[in-house]
């Protein structure tokens, strides 16, 4: 398959991600590149400790697949409340490679 990806596809990657739930963590983007050797996840969480728990478990699940998440960027931001509401929620945005 060369640059087209893995012959067996990426369902095992997506299953590892989909079955991992950490309260207060959600994903916005999943990127699988370099024939499955590089995975990038972008998301948000209610706090930094939830992200760290998520990364630790994710690395355990991806180890048998030959993928290791080595870099984590976390930034604080404010998420908008419900439409018409002045309330904002403090969250962290993260990118994991």
Protein backbone atom coordinates (compact mmCIF):
# COMPACT_ATOMS: atom_id res chain seq x y z
CA UNK A 1 0.00 0.00 0.00
CA UNK A 2 2.96 2.37 0.22
CA UNK A 3 1.67 5.81 1.18
CA UNK A 4 -1.96 4.71 1.15
CA UNK A 5 -1.82 3.33 4.69
CA UNK A 6 -1.91 -0.06 6.33
CA UNK A 7 -3.49 -3.01 4.60
CA UNK A 8 -5.41 -3.90 7.77
CA UNK A 9 -6.71 -0.32 8.15
CA UNK A 10 -6.91 1.68 11.34
CA UNK A 11 -9.93 0.24 13.12
CA UNK A 12 -7.71 -0.94 16.00
CA UNK A 13 -6.49 2.65 16.47
CA UNK A 14 -10.00 4.05 16.43
CA UNK A 15 -11.26 1.34 18.79
CA UNK A 16 -8.46 2.15 21.27
CA UNK A 17 -9.48 5.81 21.18
CA UNK A 18 -13.25 5.25 21.22
CA UNK A 19 -13.25 2.90 24.19
CA UNK A 20 -11.11 5.16 26.37
CA UNK A 21 -13.27 7.46 28.44
CA UNK A 22 -11.91 9.92 30.96
CA UNK A 23 -14.57 12.20 32.44
CA UNK A 24 -14.12 15.79 31.32
CA UNK A 25 -11.99 14.99 28.23
CA UNK A 26 -13.27 15.22 24.66
CA UNK A 27 -11.59 15.05 21.26
CA UNK A 28 -12.07 17.45 18.36
CA UNK A 29 -9.67 15.90 15.84
CA UNK A 30 -7.89 12.63 15.17
CA UNK A 31 -5.08 12.44 12.59
CA UNK A 32 -3.30 9.26 11.58
CA UNK A 33 -0.25 9.80 9.33
CA UNK A 34 3.00 8.16 8.25
CA UNK A 35 1.27 4.83 7.59
CA UNK A 36 0.02 4.70 11.16
CA UNK A 37 3.32 5.47 12.83
CA UNK A 38 2.16 8.97 13.86
CA UNK A 39 -1.12 9.78 15.58
CA UNK A 40 -2.16 13.28 16.59
CA UNK A 41 -5.14 14.06 18.83
CA UNK A 42 -6.59 17.49 19.53
CA UNK A 43 -9.19 18.15 22.17
CA UNK A 44 -10.32 19.92 25.29
CA UNK A 45 -10.69 19.01 28.93
CA UNK A 46 -12.07 20.48 32.10
CA UNK A 47 -8.67 20.32 33.77
CA UNK A 48 -5.04 19.42 33.15
CA UNK A 49 -5.05 16.37 35.44
CA UNK A 50 -7.75 14.72 33.31
CA UNK A 51 -5.57 15.19 30.21
CA UNK A 52 -2.56 13.64 31.96
CA UNK A 53 -4.66 10.62 32.99
CA UNK A 54 -5.95 10.31 29.41
CA UNK A 55 -2.42 10.42 27.93
CA UNK A 56 -1.10 7.81 30.36
CA UNK A 57 -3.85 5.33 29.50
CA UNK A 58 -3.65 6.12 25.78
CA UNK A 59 0.08 5.34 25.69
CA UNK A 60 -0.62 1.98 27.35
CA UNK A 61 -3.27 1.15 24.74
CA UNK A 62 -1.18 2.25 21.77
CA UNK A 63 2.08 0.55 22.82
CA UNK A 64 1.12 -2.79 21.18
CA UNK A 65 0.37 -0.84 17.97
CA UNK A 66 3.88 0.63 17.88
CA UNK A 67 2.72 4.20 18.56
CA UNK A 68 3.96 6.38 21.41
CA UNK A 69 2.62 9.83 22.25
CA UNK A 70 5.69 11.90 23.10
CA UNK A 71 4.60 15.54 23.04
CA UNK A 72 1.71 17.24 24.79
CA UNK A 73 0.80 20.91 24.42
CA UNK A 74 -1.75 22.29 26.89
CA UNK A 75 -3.16 25.82 26.88
CA UNK A 76 -5.84 27.40 29.07
CA UNK A 77 -8.87 28.96 27.44
CA UNK A 78 -12.45 29.98 28.09
CA UNK A 79 -15.31 28.11 26.45
CA UNK A 80 -18.53 29.94 25.70
CA UNK A 81 -21.60 29.07 27.75
CA UNK A 82 -25.04 28.46 26.30
CA UNK A 83 -26.19 30.92 23.60
CA UNK A 84 -27.37 34.13 25.25
CA UNK A 85 -25.55 33.27 28.48
CA UNK A 86 -22.71 35.38 29.79
CA UNK A 87 -21.20 32.37 31.56
CA UNK A 88 -17.87 31.04 30.37
CA UNK A 89 -16.24 27.79 31.41
CA UNK A 90 -12.51 27.50 32.04
CA UNK A 91 -11.09 24.60 30.03
CA UNK A 92 -7.74 23.48 28.70
CA UNK A 93 -7.05 22.77 25.04
CA UNK A 94 -4.53 20.07 24.22
CA UNK A 95 -2.67 18.60 21.29
CA UNK A 96 -1.04 15.23 21.63
CA UNK A 97 1.54 13.78 19.19
